[in-house]
PDB file of N, CA and C in Angstrom:
ATOM      1  N   UNK A   1     -11.680 -16.784 -19.743  1.00  0.00           N
ATOM      2  CA  UNK A   1     -10.911 -17.080 -18.780  1.00  0.00           C
ATOM      3  C   UNK A   1     -10.235 -15.914 -18.187  1.00  0.00           C
ATOM      4  N   UNK A   2      -9.544 -15.068 -19.195  1.00  0.00           N
ATOM      5  CA  UNK A   2      -8.728 -13.754 -18.809  1.00  0.00           C
ATOM      6  C   UNK A   2     -10.044 -12.873 -17.763  1.00  0.00           C
ATOM      7  N   UNK A   3     -11.221 -12.884 -18.518  1.00  0.00           N
ATOM      8  CA  UNK A   3     -12.266 -12.028 -17.553  1.00  0.00           C
ATOM      9  C   UNK A   3     -12.104 -12.304 -16.010  1.00  0.00           C
ATOM     10  N   UNK A   4     -12.388 -13.768 -15.738  1.00  0.00           N
ATOM     11  CA  UNK A   4     -12.248 -14.156 -14.458  1.00  0.00           C
ATOM     12  C   UNK A   4     -11.137 -14.035 -13.723  1.00  0.00           C
ATOM     13  N   UNK A   5     -10.000 -13.965 -14.156  1.00  0.00           N
ATOM     14  CA  UNK A   5      -8.617 -13.745 -13.613  1.00  0.00           C
ATOM     15  C   UNK A   5      -8.613 -12.188 -13.518  1.00  0.00           C
ATOM     16  N   UNK A   6      -9.063 -11.239 -14.243  1.00  0.00           N
ATOM     17  CA  UNK A   6      -9.124  -9.822 -14.075  1.00  0.00           C
ATOM     18  C   UNK A   6     -10.251  -9.449 -13.132  1.00  0.00           C
ATOM     19  N   UNK A   7     -11.235 -10.174 -13.118  1.00  0.00           N
ATOM     20  CA  UNK A   7     -12.215  -9.751 -12.096  1.00  0.00           C
ATOM     21  C   UNK A   7     -11.868 -10.126 -10.580  1.00  0.00           C
ATOM     22  N   UNK A   8     -10.964 -11.453 -10.366  1.00  0.00           N
ATOM     23  CA  UNK A   8     -10.639 -11.659  -9.159  1.00  0.00           C
ATOM     24  C   UNK A   8      -9.674 -10.662  -8.672  1.00  0.00           C
ATOM     25  N   UNK A   9      -8.651 -10.104  -9.560  1.00  0.00           N
ATOM     26  CA  UNK A   9      -7.587  -9.186  -9.116  1.00  0.00           C
ATOM     27  C   UNK A   9      -8.315  -8.184  -8.973  1.00  0.00           C
ATOM     28  N   UNK A  10      -9.304  -7.693  -9.518  1.00  0.00           N
ATOM     29  CA  UNK A  10     -10.127  -6.192  -8.950  1.00  0.00           C
ATOM     30  C   UNK A  10     -10.620  -6.597  -7.881  1.00  0.00           C
ATOM     31  N   UNK A  11     -11.228  -7.490  -7.747  1.00  0.00           N
ATOM     32  CA  UNK A  11     -11.932  -7.420  -6.225  1.00  0.00           C
ATOM     33  C   UNK A  11     -11.049  -7.890  -5.075  1.00  0.00           C
ATOM     34  N   UNK A  12      -9.988  -8.691  -5.390  1.00  0.00           N
ATOM     35  CA  UNK A  12      -9.259  -8.676  -4.213  1.00  0.00           C
ATOM     36  C   UNK A  12      -8.393  -7.499  -4.091  1.00  0.00           C
ATOM     37  N   UNK A  13      -8.106  -6.904  -5.171  1.00  0.00           N
ATOM     38  CA  UNK A  13      -7.287  -5.561  -4.904  1.00  0.00           C
ATOM     39  C   UNK A  13      -8.127  -4.456  -4.162  1.00  0.00           C
ATOM     40  N   UNK A  14      -9.448  -4.447  -4.579  1.00  0.00           N
ATOM     41  CA  UNK A  14     -10.365  -3.467  -3.804  1.00  0.00           C
ATOM     42  C   UNK A  14     -10.461  -3.993  -2.313  1.00  0.00           C
ATOM     43  N   UNK A  15     -10.399  -5.238  -2.225  1.00  0.00           N
ATOM     44  CA  UNK A  15     -10.591  -5.669  -0.630  1.00  0.00           C
ATOM     45  C   UNK A  15      -9.505  -5.378   0.231  1.00  0.00           C
ATOM     46  N   UNK A  16      -8.139  -5.393  -0.453  1.00  0.00           N
ATOM     47  CA  UNK A  16      -7.344  -4.985   0.516  1.00  0.00           C
ATOM     48  C   UNK A  16      -6.937  -3.470   0.540  1.00  0.00           C
ATOM     49  N   UNK A  17      -7.509  -2.758  -0.349  1.00  0.00           N
ATOM     50  CA  UNK A  17      -7.441  -1.276   0.029  1.00  0.00           C
ATOM     51  C   UNK A  17      -8.796  -0.809   0.981  1.00  0.00           C
ATOM     52  N   UNK A  18      -9.590  -1.635   0.959  1.00  0.00           N
ATOM     53  CA  UNK A  18     -10.774  -1.600   2.123  1.00  0.00           C
ATOM     54  C   UNK A  18      -9.953  -1.717   3.485  1.00  0.00           C
ATOM     55  N   UNK A  19      -9.350  -3.015   3.392  1.00  0.00           N
ATOM     56  CA  UNK A  19      -8.668  -3.448   4.666  1.00  0.00           C
ATOM     57  C   UNK A  19      -7.709  -2.447   5.043  1.00  0.00           C
ATOM     58  N   UNK A  20      -7.058  -1.550   4.376  1.00  0.00           N
ATOM     59  CA  UNK A  20      -5.900  -0.373   4.641  1.00  0.00           C
ATOM     60  C   UNK A  20      -6.820   0.215   5.089  1.00  0.00           C
ATOM     61  N   UNK A  21      -7.770   0.935   4.704  1.00  0.00           N
ATOM     62  CA  UNK A  21      -8.494   1.938   5.113  1.00  0.00           C
ATOM     63  C   UNK A  21      -9.273   1.854   6.394  1.00  0.00           C
ATOM     64  N   UNK A  22      -9.944   0.477   6.818  1.00  0.00           N
ATOM     65  CA  UNK A  22     -10.119   0.364   8.013  1.00  0.00           C
ATOM     66  C   UNK A  22      -9.196  -0.098   8.980  1.00  0.00           C
ATOM     67  N   UNK A  23      -7.975  -0.207   8.505  1.00  0.00           N
ATOM     68  CA  UNK A  23      -6.392  -0.361   9.522  1.00  0.00           C
ATOM     69  C   UNK A  23      -6.214   1.162   9.945  1.00  0.00           C
ATOM     70  N   UNK A  24      -6.536   2.069   9.113  1.00  0.00           N
ATOM     71  CA  UNK A  24      -6.224   3.525   9.320  1.00  0.00           C
ATOM     72  C   UNK A  24      -7.119   4.180  10.286  1.00  0.00           C
ATOM     73  N   UNK A  25      -8.066   3.734  10.501  1.00  0.00           N
ATOM     74  CA  UNK A  25      -9.211   4.187  11.378  1.00  0.00           C
ATOM     75  C   UNK A  25      -9.026   3.600  12.802  1.00  0.00           C
ATOM     76  N   UNK A  26      -8.746   2.146  12.694  1.00  0.00           N
ATOM     77  CA  UNK A  26      -8.916   1.217  13.792  1.00  0.00           C
ATOM     78  C   UNK A  26      -7.455   1.374  14.502  1.00  0.00           C
ATOM     79  N   UNK A  27      -6.368   1.210  13.854  1.00  0.00           N
ATOM     80  CA  UNK A  27      -4.990   1.205  14.604  1.00  0.00           C
ATOM     81  C   UNK A  27      -4.864   2.384  15.706  1.00  0.00           C
ATOM     82  N   UNK A  28      -4.201   1.871  16.773  1.00  0.00           N
ATOM     83  CA  UNK A  28      -3.928   3.276  17.672  1.00  0.00           C
ATOM     84  C   UNK A  28      -2.766   4.083  17.466  1.00  0.00           C
ATOM     85  N   UNK A  29      -1.691   3.584  16.826  1.00  0.00           N
ATOM     86  CA  UNK A  29      -0.622   4.581  16.885  1.00  0.00           C
ATOM     87  C   UNK A  29      -0.127   4.834  15.188  1.00  0.00           C
ATOM     88  N   UNK A  30       0.909   5.811  15.225  1.00  0.00           N
ATOM     89  CA  UNK A  30       1.328   6.109  13.930  1.00  0.00           C
ATOM     90  C   UNK A  30       1.804   4.944  13.220  1.00  0.00           C
ATOM     91  N   UNK A  31       2.812   4.282  14.053  1.00  0.00           N
ATOM     92  CA  UNK A  31       3.375   3.019  13.208  1.00  0.00           C
ATOM     93  C   UNK A  31       2.686   1.873  12.732  1.00  0.00           C
ATOM     94  N   UNK A  32       1.336   1.663  13.617  1.00  0.00           N
ATOM     95  CA  UNK A  32       0.920   0.713  13.079  1.00  0.00           C
ATOM     96  C   UNK A  32      -0.202   1.209  11.931  1.00  0.00           C
ATOM     97  N   UNK A  33      -0.451   2.427  11.912  1.00  0.00           N
ATOM     98  CA  UNK A  33      -1.581   3.186  11.138  1.00  0.00           C
ATOM     99  C   UNK A  33      -0.410   3.030   9.474  1.00  0.00           C
ATOM    100  N   UNK A  34       0.738   3.475   9.705  1.00  0.00           N
ATOM    101  CA  UNK A  34       1.541   3.700   8.740  1.00  0.00           C
ATOM    102  C   UNK A  34       1.861   2.115   7.788  1.00  0.00           C
ATOM    103  N   UNK A  35       1.715   1.191   8.983  1.00  0.00           N
ATOM    104  CA  UNK A  35       1.760  -0.198   8.128  1.00  0.00           C
ATOM    105  C   UNK A  35       0.515  -0.459   7.409  1.00  0.00           C
ATOM    106  N   UNK A  36      -0.538   0.000   7.882  1.00  0.00           N
ATOM    107  CA  UNK A  36      -2.003  -0.398   7.356  1.00  0.00           C
ATOM    108  C   UNK A  36      -1.824   0.401   6.262  1.00  0.00           C
ATOM    109  N   UNK A  37      -1.357   1.544   5.843  1.00  0.00           N
ATOM    110  CA  UNK A  37      -1.257   2.439   4.796  1.00  0.00           C
ATOM    111  C   UNK A  37      -0.358   1.725   3.720  1.00  0.00           C
ATOM    112  N   UNK A  38       0.516   1.333   3.744  1.00  0.00           N
ATOM    113  CA  UNK A  38       1.232   0.571   2.887  1.00  0.00           C
ATOM    114  C   UNK A  38       1.327  -0.578   2.340  1.00  0.00           C
ATOM    115  N   UNK A  39       1.397  -1.397   3.413  1.00  0.00           N
ATOM    116  CA  UNK A  39       1.811  -2.915   3.043  1.00  0.00           C
ATOM    117  C   UNK A  39       0.131  -3.332   2.229  1.00  0.00           C
ATOM    118  N   UNK A  40      -0.913  -3.176   2.821  1.00  0.00           N
ATOM    119  CA  UNK A  40      -2.069  -3.998   2.062  1.00  0.00           C
ATOM    120  C   UNK A  40      -2.382  -2.809   0.603  1.00  0.00           C
ATOM    121  N   UNK A  41      -2.308  -1.549   0.961  1.00  0.00           N
ATOM    122  CA  UNK A  41      -2.721  -0.667  -0.044  1.00  0.00           C
ATOM    123  C   UNK A  41      -1.491  -1.079  -1.343  1.00  0.00           C
ATOM    124  N   UNK A  42      -0.467  -1.347  -1.112  1.00  0.00           N
ATOM    125  CA  UNK A  42       0.521  -1.247  -2.262  1.00  0.00           C
ATOM    126  C   UNK A  42      -0.059  -2.417  -3.037  1.00  0.00           C
ATOM    127  N   UNK A  43      -0.311  -3.474  -2.359  1.00  0.00           N
ATOM    128  CA  UNK A  43      -0.578  -4.862  -3.032  1.00  0.00           C
ATOM    129  C   UNK A  43      -1.851  -4.862  -3.735  1.00  0.00           C
ATOM    130  N   UNK A  44      -2.749  -3.958  -3.028  1.00  0.00           N
ATOM    131  CA  UNK A  44      -4.053  -3.770  -3.370  1.00  0.00           C
ATOM    132  C   UNK A  44      -4.053  -3.073  -4.715  1.00  0.00           C
ATOM    133  N   UNK A  45      -3.382  -1.807  -4.858  1.00  0.00           N
ATOM    134  CA  UNK A  45      -3.306  -1.229  -6.049  1.00  0.00           C
ATOM    135  C   UNK A  45      -2.439  -2.115  -7.194  1.00  0.00           C
ATOM    136  N   UNK A  46      -1.672  -2.650  -6.752  1.00  0.00           N
ATOM    137  CA  UNK A  46      -0.840  -3.376  -7.990  1.00  0.00           C
ATOM    138  C   UNK A  46      -2.021  -4.669  -8.524  1.00  0.00           C
ATOM    139  N   UNK A  47      -2.886  -5.236  -7.613  1.00  0.00           N
ATOM    140  CA  UNK A  47      -3.718  -6.143  -8.204  1.00  0.00           C
ATOM    141  C   UNK A  47      -4.900  -5.447  -8.979  1.00  0.00           C
ATOM    142  N   UNK A  48      -5.315  -4.230  -8.483  1.00  0.00           N
ATOM    143  CA  UNK A  48      -6.293  -3.448  -9.424  1.00  0.00           C
ATOM    144  C   UNK A  48      -5.661  -3.266 -10.631  1.00  0.00           C
ATOM    145  N   UNK A  49      -4.323  -2.942 -10.752  1.00  0.00           N
ATOM    146  CA  UNK A  49      -3.634  -2.397 -12.179  1.00  0.00           C
ATOM    147  C   UNK A  49      -3.629  -3.698 -12.776  1.00  0.00           C
ATOM    148  N   UNK A  50      -3.155  -4.601 -12.376  1.00  0.00           N
ATOM    149  CA  UNK A  50      -3.092  -5.932 -13.043  1.00  0.00           C
ATOM    150  C   UNK A  50      -4.297  -6.337 -13.639  1.00  0.00           C
ATOM    151  N   UNK A  51      -5.173  -6.175 -12.859  1.00  0.00           N
ATOM    152  CA  UNK A  51      -6.646  -6.697 -13.647  1.00  0.00           C
ATOM    153  C   UNK A  51      -7.028  -5.650 -14.393  1.00  0.00           C
ATOM    154  N   UNK A  52      -6.755  -4.523 -14.382  1.00  0.00           N
ATOM    155  CA  UNK A  52      -6.911  -3.595 -15.600  1.00  0.00           C
ATOM    156  C   UNK A  52      -6.193  -3.784 -16.592  1.00  0.00           C
ATOM    157  N   UNK A  53      -4.768  -4.230 -16.635  1.00  0.00           N
ATOM    158  CA  UNK A  53      -4.069  -4.697 -17.561  1.00  0.00           C
ATOM    159  C   UNK A  53      -4.286  -5.617 -18.354  1.00  0.00           C
ATOM    160  N   UNK A  54      -5.092  -6.453 -17.658  1.00  0.00           N
ATOM    161  CA  UNK A  54      -5.553  -7.908 -18.529  1.00  0.00           C
ATOM    162  C   UNK A  54      -6.599  -7.621 -19.352  1.00  0.00           C
ATOM    163  N   UNK A  55      -7.482  -6.516 -19.029  1.00  0.00           N
ATOM    164  CA  UNK A  55      -8.847  -6.025 -19.833  1.00  0.00           C
ATOM    165  C   UNK A  55      -8.163  -5.025 -21.141  1.00  0.00           C
ATOM    166  N   UNK A  56      -7.247  -4.589 -21.077  1.00  0.00           N
ATOM    167  CA  UNK A  56      -6.862  -3.114 -21.883  1.00  0.00           C
ATOM    168  C   UNK A  56      -6.059  -3.747 -22.971  1.00  0.00           C
ATOM    169  N   UNK A  57      -6.228  -3.428 -24.228  1.00  0.00           N
ATOM    170  CA  UNK A  57      -5.598  -3.892 -25.397  1.00  0.00           C
ATOM    171  C   UNK A  57      -4.388  -2.968 -25.933  1.00  0.00           C
ATOM    172  N   UNK A  58      -4.659  -1.684 -25.345  1.00  0.00           N
ATOM    173  CA  UNK A  58      -3.771  -0.615 -26.079  1.00  0.00           C
ATOM    174  C   UNK A  58      -2.384  -0.577 -25.287  1.00  0.00           C
ATOM    175  N   UNK A  59      -1.283  -0.458 -26.123  1.00  0.00           N
ATOM    176  CA  UNK A  59      -0.162  -0.476 -25.805  1.00  0.00           C
ATOM    177  C   UNK A  59       0.518   0.763 -24.924  1.00  0.00           C
ATOM    178  N   UNK A  60       0.036   1.747 -25.245  1.00  0.00           N
ATOM    179  CA  UNK A  60       0.112   3.109 -24.463  1.00  0.00           C
ATOM    180  C   UNK A  60      -0.615   2.915 -23.214  1.00  0.00           C
ATOM    181  N   UNK A  61      -1.826   2.636 -22.965  1.00  0.00           N
ATOM    182  CA  UNK A  61      -2.386   2.344 -21.803  1.00  0.00           C
ATOM    183  C   UNK A  61      -1.476   1.365 -20.612  1.00  0.00           C
ATOM    184  N   UNK A  62      -1.205   0.167 -21.271  1.00  0.00           N
ATOM    185  CA  UNK A  62      -0.259  -0.609 -20.655  1.00  0.00           C
ATOM    186  C   UNK A  62       0.985  -0.219 -20.085  1.00  0.00           C
ATOM    187  N   UNK A  63       1.660   0.737 -20.870  1.00  0.00           N
ATOM    188  CA  UNK A  63       2.853   1.492 -20.490  1.00  0.00           C
ATOM    189  C   UNK A  63       2.635   2.272 -19.153  1.00  0.00           C
ATOM    190  N   UNK A  64       1.388   3.104 -19.283  1.00  0.00           N
ATOM    191  CA  UNK A  64       0.878   3.866 -18.188  1.00  0.00           C
ATOM    192  C   UNK A  64       0.331   3.035 -17.068  1.00  0.00           C
ATOM    193  N   UNK A  65       0.277   1.937 -17.228  1.00  0.00           N
ATOM    194  CA  UNK A  65      -0.477   0.911 -16.208  1.00  0.00           C
ATOM    195  C   UNK A  65       0.942   0.529 -15.237  1.00  0.00           C
ATOM    196  N   UNK A  66       1.963   0.085 -16.228  1.00  0.00           N
ATOM    197  CA  UNK A  66       2.924  -0.217 -15.545  1.00  0.00           C
ATOM    198  C   UNK A  66       4.071   0.863 -15.045  1.00  0.00           C
ATOM    199  N   UNK A  67       3.782   2.018 -15.182  1.00  0.00           N
ATOM    200  CA  UNK A  67       4.504   3.218 -14.758  1.00  0.00           C
ATOM    201  C   UNK A  67       3.667   3.281 -13.401  1.00  0.00           C
ATOM    202  N   UNK A  68       2.325   3.378 -13.374  1.00  0.00           N
ATOM    203  CA  UNK A  68       1.622   3.701 -12.295  1.00  0.00           C
ATOM    204  C   UNK A  68       2.183   2.684 -11.230  1.00  0.00           C
ATOM    205  N   UNK A  69       2.211   1.226 -11.669  1.00  0.00           N
ATOM    206  CA  UNK A  69       2.309   0.407 -10.359  1.00  0.00           C
ATOM    207  C   UNK A  69       3.981   0.607  -9.963  1.00  0.00           C
ATOM    208  N   UNK A  70       4.800   0.883 -10.826  1.00  0.00           N
ATOM    209  CA  UNK A  70       6.240   0.786 -10.655  1.00  0.00           C
ATOM    210  C   UNK A  70       6.267   2.249  -9.459  1.00  0.00           C
ATOM    211  N   UNK A  71       5.789   3.341  -9.839  1.00  0.00           N
ATOM    212  CA  UNK A  71       5.587   4.378  -9.046  1.00  0.00           C
ATOM    213  C   UNK A  71       4.940   4.198  -7.608  1.00  0.00           C
ATOM    214  N   UNK A  72       3.968   3.511  -7.643  1.00  0.00           N
ATOM    215  CA  UNK A  72       3.503   3.195  -6.276  1.00  0.00           C
ATOM    216  C   UNK A  72       4.337   2.306  -5.582  1.00  0.00           C
ATOM    217  N   UNK A  73       4.877   1.317  -5.863  1.00  0.00           N
ATOM    218  CA  UNK A  73       5.744   0.348  -5.260  1.00  0.00           C
ATOM    219  C   UNK A  73       7.446   0.882  -4.846  1.00  0.00           C
ATOM    220  N   UNK A  74       7.374   2.123  -5.882  1.00  0.00           N
ATOM    221  CA  UNK A  74       8.753   2.572  -5.380  1.00  0.00           C
ATOM    222  C   UNK A  74       8.387   4.034  -4.132  1.00  0.00           C
ATOM    223  N   UNK A  75       7.456   4.575  -4.564  1.00  0.00           N
ATOM    224  CA  UNK A  75       7.075   5.761  -3.701  1.00  0.00           C
ATOM    225  C   UNK A  75       6.762   5.517  -2.164  1.00  0.00           C
ATOM    226  N   UNK A  76       5.763   4.394  -2.037  1.00  0.00           N
ATOM    227  CA  UNK A  76       4.835   4.166  -0.752  1.00  0.00           C
ATOM    228  C   UNK A  76       5.810   3.467   0.431  1.00  0.00           C
ATOM    229  N   UNK A  77       6.734   2.677   0.218  1.00  0.00           N
ATOM    230  CA  UNK A  77       7.888   2.452   1.488  1.00  0.00           C
ATOM    231  C   UNK A  77       8.716   3.532   1.560  1.00  0.00           C
ATOM    232  N   UNK A  78       9.125   4.440   0.753  1.00  0.00           N
ATOM    233  CA  UNK A  78       9.963   5.685   1.423  1.00  0.00           C
ATOM    234  C   UNK A  78       9.021   6.616   1.955  1.00  0.00           C
ATOM    235  N   UNK A  79       7.913   6.825   1.410  1.00  0.00           N
ATOM    236  CA  UNK A  79       7.014   7.885   2.227  1.00  0.00           C
ATOM    237  C   UNK A  79       6.674   7.357   3.906  1.00  0.00           C
ATOM    238  N   UNK A  80       6.458   5.822   3.724  1.00  0.00           N
ATOM    239  CA  UNK A  80       6.201   5.252   5.060  1.00  0.00           C
ATOM    240  C   UNK A  80       7.305   5.192   5.855  1.00  0.00           C
ATOM    241  N   UNK A  81       8.805   5.120   5.490  1.00  0.00           N
ATOM    242  CA  UNK A  81       9.631   5.302   6.085  1.00  0.00           C
ATOM    243  C   UNK A  81       9.834   6.875   6.803  1.00  0.00           C
ATOM    244  N   UNK A  82       9.728   7.762   5.689  1.00  0.00           N
ATOM    245  CA  UNK A  82       9.813   9.138   6.389  1.00  0.00           C
ATOM    246  C   UNK A  82       8.702   9.295   7.298  1.00  0.00           C
ATOM    247  N   UNK A  83       7.418   8.776   7.364  1.00  0.00           N
ATOM    248  CA  UNK A  83       6.449   9.331   8.350  1.00  0.00           C
ATOM    249  C   UNK A  83       6.952   8.787   9.386  1.00  0.00           C
ATOM    250  N   UNK A  84       7.646   7.472   9.532  1.00  0.00           N
ATOM    251  CA  UNK A  84       7.767   6.852  10.738  1.00  0.00           C
ATOM    252  C   UNK A  84       8.964   7.596  11.292  1.00  0.00           C
ATOM    253  N   UNK A  85      10.053   7.963  10.498  1.00  0.00           N
ATOM    254  CA  UNK A  85      10.875   8.839  11.111  1.00  0.00           C
ATOM    255  C   UNK A  85      10.661   9.787  11.880  1.00  0.00           C
ATOM    256  N   UNK A  86       9.566  10.475  11.005  1.00  0.00           N
ATOM    257  CA  UNK A  86       9.154  12.135  11.577  1.00  0.00           C
ATOM    258  C   UNK A  86       8.516  11.747  12.927  1.00  0.00           C
ATOM    259  N   UNK A  87       7.786  10.873  13.097  1.00  0.00           N
ATOM    260  CA  UNK A  87       6.902  10.548  14.005  1.00  0.00           C
ATOM    261  C   UNK A  87       7.984  10.166  15.339  1.00  0.00           C
ATOM    262  N   UNK A  88       8.965   9.293  15.190  1.00  0.00           N
ATOM    263  CA  UNK A  88       9.764   8.878  16.053  1.00  0.00           C
ATOM    264  C   UNK A  88      10.454  10.219  16.752  1.00  0.00           C
ATOM    265  N   UNK A  89      10.653  11.057  15.770  1.00  0.00           N
ATOM    266  CA  UNK A  89      11.744  12.161  16.191  1.00  0.00           C
ATOM    267  C   UNK A  89      10.584  13.386  16.813  1.00  0.00           C
ATOM    268  N   UNK A  90       9.499  13.263  16.526  1.00  0.00           N
ATOM    269  CA  UNK A  90       8.591  14.154  17.249  1.00  0.00           C
ATOM    270  C   UNK A  90       8.058  13.990  18.503  1.00  0.00           C
ATOM    271  N   UNK A  91       8.299  12.329  18.669  1.00  0.00           N
ATOM    272  CA  UNK A  91       7.812  11.639  19.945  1.00  0.00           C
ATOM    273  C   UNK A  91       6.301  11.318  20.118  1.00  0.00           C
ATOM    274  N   UNK A  92       5.904  11.049  19.040  1.00  0.00           N
ATOM    275  CA  UNK A  92       4.473  10.361  18.835  1.00  0.00           C
ATOM    276  C   UNK A  92       4.498   8.699  18.806  1.00  0.00           C
ATOM    277  N   UNK A  93       5.785   8.251  18.849  1.00  0.00           N
ATOM    278  CA  UNK A  93       5.866   6.855  19.202  1.00  0.00           C
ATOM    279  C   UNK A  93       6.020   6.483  20.671  1.00  0.00           C
ATOM    280  N   UNK A  94       5.304   5.698  20.936  1.00  0.00           N
ATOM    281  CA  UNK A  94       5.588   5.088  22.648  1.00  0.00           C
ATOM    282  C   UNK A  94       6.759   4.161  22.512  1.00  0.00           C
ATOM    283  N   UNK A  95       7.770   4.428  22.809  1.00  0.00           N
ATOM    284  CA  UNK A  95       9.147   3.713  23.100  1.00  0.00           C
ATOM    285  C   UNK A  95       9.014   2.556  24.094  1.00  0.00           C
ATOM    286  N   UNK A  96       8.247   2.392  24.905  1.00  0.00           N
ATOM    287  CA  UNK A  96       8.086   1.447  25.515  1.00  0.00           C
ATOM    288  C   UNK A  96       7.240   0.429  24.997  1.00  0.00           C
ATOM    289  N   UNK A  97       6.667   0.415  24.084  1.00  0.00           N
ATOM    290  CA  UNK A  97       6.139  -0.539  23.254  1.00  0.00           C
ATOM    291  C   UNK A  97       6.459  -1.205  22.207  1.00  0.00           C
ATOM    292  N   UNK A  98       7.638  -0.733  21.888  1.00  0.00           N
ATOM    293  CA  UNK A  98       8.716  -1.214  20.737  1.00  0.00           C
ATOM    294  C   UNK A  98       9.527  -2.483  21.223  1.00  0.00           C
ATOM    295  N   UNK A  99       9.458  -3.741  20.550  1.00  0.00           N
ATOM    296  CA  UNK A  99      10.378  -4.805  20.901  1.00  0.00           C
ATOM    297  C   UNK A  99      11.537  -4.426  20.608  1.00  0.00           C
ATOM    298  N   UNK A 100      12.069  -3.707  20.031  1.00  0.00           N
ATOM    299  CA  UNK A 100      13.420  -3.434  19.588  1.00  0.00           C
ATOM    300  C   UNK A 100      13.710  -1.548  18.835  1.00  0.00           C
ATOM    301  N   UNK A 101      14.452  -0.919  19.680  1.00  0.00           N
ATOM    302  CA  UNK A 101      14.520   0.231  19.306  1.00  0.00           C
ATOM    303  C   UNK A 101      15.939   0.748  18.537  1.00  0.00           C
ATOM    304  N   UNK A 102      16.170   0.745  17.541  1.00  0.00           N
ATOM    305  CA  UNK A 102      17.171   0.842  16.825  1.00  0.00           C
ATOM    306  C   UNK A 102      17.787   2.224  16.997  1.00  0.00           C
ATOM    307  N   UNK A 103      16.881   3.247  17.155  1.00  0.00           N
ATOM    308  CA  UNK A 103      17.360   4.566  17.053  1.00  0.00           C
ATOM    309  C   UNK A 103      17.372   5.182  18.205  1.00  0.00           C
ATOM    310  N   UNK A 104      17.447   4.293  19.386  1.00  0.00           N
ATOM    311  CA  UNK A 104      17.750   4.984  20.659  1.00  0.00           C
ATOM    312  C   UNK A 104      19.115   5.265  21.151  1.00  0.00           C
TER     313      UNK A 104
END
């Protein structure tokens, strides 16, 4: 049963990473590409790490897997925020397409 759950997590995580990659190629502007790069990619990597953790028996490896997941969840939103702010300040964001502009 653990093998089935681990396999499902791995496949779903890989699918979300694929969706994130497709979103990076297909979305038109910086803000939507930033969204595609962080939201499904973060969940995808966490699912892959959960699937891996279910199959590993070594405590040292589990610690590294947990640290990688925490690092991903902490750094991806901060990096996306910084990219969004830099793009906004550099004028790469179409302000007319924004529903709400808190930085104006």
